[in-house]
Amino acid sequence: MRTDYLQSALKVIDDPNILVNVVSRRVKQLKRGNRPLVVSLEKLSSEDIALREIAEGKISFELASPDELRRLHIT
């Protein structure tokens, strides 16, 4: 994982725990065949692609509200 991509992504998603979850979910999608949302002339790992997508604002996340969590019985 490239440190420069990680630092750029942390500027967008500043909570490391949330960043790990977003990157993990996106890596799974990429490995299942989803196309990258960024273009690169170099061969990048799925993790680096996900970090670049976050840093460039191509993907984002939304936290569940307390009401949504209660409906799902998650507290």
Protein backbone atom coordinates (compact mmCIF):
# COMPACT_ATOMS: atom_id res chain seq x y z
CA MET A 1 0.00 0.00 0.00
CA ARG A 2 1.44 3.33 -1.03
CA THR A 3 1.87 5.81 1.79
CA ASP A 4 1.10 8.82 -0.40
CA TYR A 5 -2.27 7.36 -1.41
CA LEU A 6 -3.02 6.49 2.22
CA GLN A 7 -2.24 10.03 3.39
CA SER A 8 -4.42 11.52 0.64
CA ALA A 9 -7.33 9.24 1.52
CA LEU A 10 -6.98 10.10 5.23
CA LYS A 11 -7.57 13.75 4.32
CA VAL A 12 -10.99 12.73 2.97
CA ILE A 13 -11.91 10.07 5.57
CA ASP A 14 -10.02 11.09 8.68
CA ASP A 15 -11.13 8.18 10.88
CA PRO A 16 -8.72 5.27 10.22
CA ASN A 17 -11.30 2.67 11.27
CA ILE A 18 -13.86 3.94 8.78
CA LEU A 19 -11.19 4.23 6.09
CA VAL A 20 -10.18 0.60 6.59
CA ASN A 21 -13.81 -0.51 6.24
CA VAL A 22 -14.42 1.56 3.10
CA VAL A 23 -11.19 0.36 1.47
CA SER A 24 -11.94 -3.26 2.41
CA ARG A 25 -15.41 -3.16 0.90
CA ARG A 26 -14.13 -1.51 -2.29
CA VAL A 27 -11.26 -4.00 -2.64
CA LYS A 28 -13.79 -6.85 -2.48
CA GLN A 29 -15.80 -5.17 -5.25
CA LEU A 30 -12.70 -4.70 -7.41
CA LYS A 31 -11.61 -8.30 -6.93
CA ARG A 32 -15.09 -9.46 -7.97
CA GLY A 33 -14.63 -7.63 -11.27
CA ASN A 34 -15.94 -4.12 -10.73
CA ARG A 35 -14.07 -1.58 -12.83
CA PRO A 36 -11.81 0.99 -11.19
CA LEU A 37 -13.13 4.55 -11.13
CA VAL A 38 -9.64 6.00 -11.64
CA VAL A 39 -7.23 5.62 -14.54
CA SER A 40 -3.61 4.75 -13.91
CA LEU A 41 -0.73 4.14 -16.28
CA GLU A 42 1.01 2.04 -13.65
CA LYS A 43 -0.11 -1.32 -12.26
CA LEU A 44 -1.76 -0.64 -8.90
CA SER A 45 -2.97 -3.04 -6.23
CA SER A 46 -6.68 -3.11 -5.46
CA GLU A 47 -5.94 -1.36 -2.16
CA ASP A 48 -4.12 1.49 -3.90
CA ILE A 49 -6.93 1.86 -6.44
CA ALA A 50 -9.47 2.09 -3.60
CA LEU A 51 -7.36 4.70 -1.78
CA ARG A 52 -7.02 6.80 -4.95
CA GLU A 53 -10.77 6.56 -5.57
CA ILE A 54 -11.40 7.89 -2.06
CA ALA A 55 -8.77 10.63 -2.34
CA GLU A 56 -10.20 11.78 -5.67
CA GLY A 57 -13.78 11.82 -4.37
CA LYS A 58 -14.95 8.98 -6.62
CA ILE A 59 -16.38 6.96 -3.73
CA SER A 60 -17.69 7.99 -0.33
CA PHE A 61 -19.54 6.57 2.65
CA GLU A 62 -22.50 7.39 4.81
CA LEU A 63 -22.85 6.47 8.46
CA ALA A 64 -26.14 4.96 9.59
CA SER A 65 -28.26 7.17 11.81
CA PRO A 66 -29.24 5.99 15.32
CA ASP A 67 -32.81 5.42 14.03
CA GLU A 68 -31.54 3.20 11.21
CA LEU A 69 -29.43 1.21 13.66
CA ARG A 70 -32.43 0.74 15.98
CA ARG A 71 -34.54 -0.53 13.07
CA LEU A 72 -31.82 -3.08 12.36
CA HIS A 73 -31.59 -3.90 16.10
CA ILE A 74 -27.95 -2.84 16.20
CA THR A 75 -27.01 -0.87 19.28
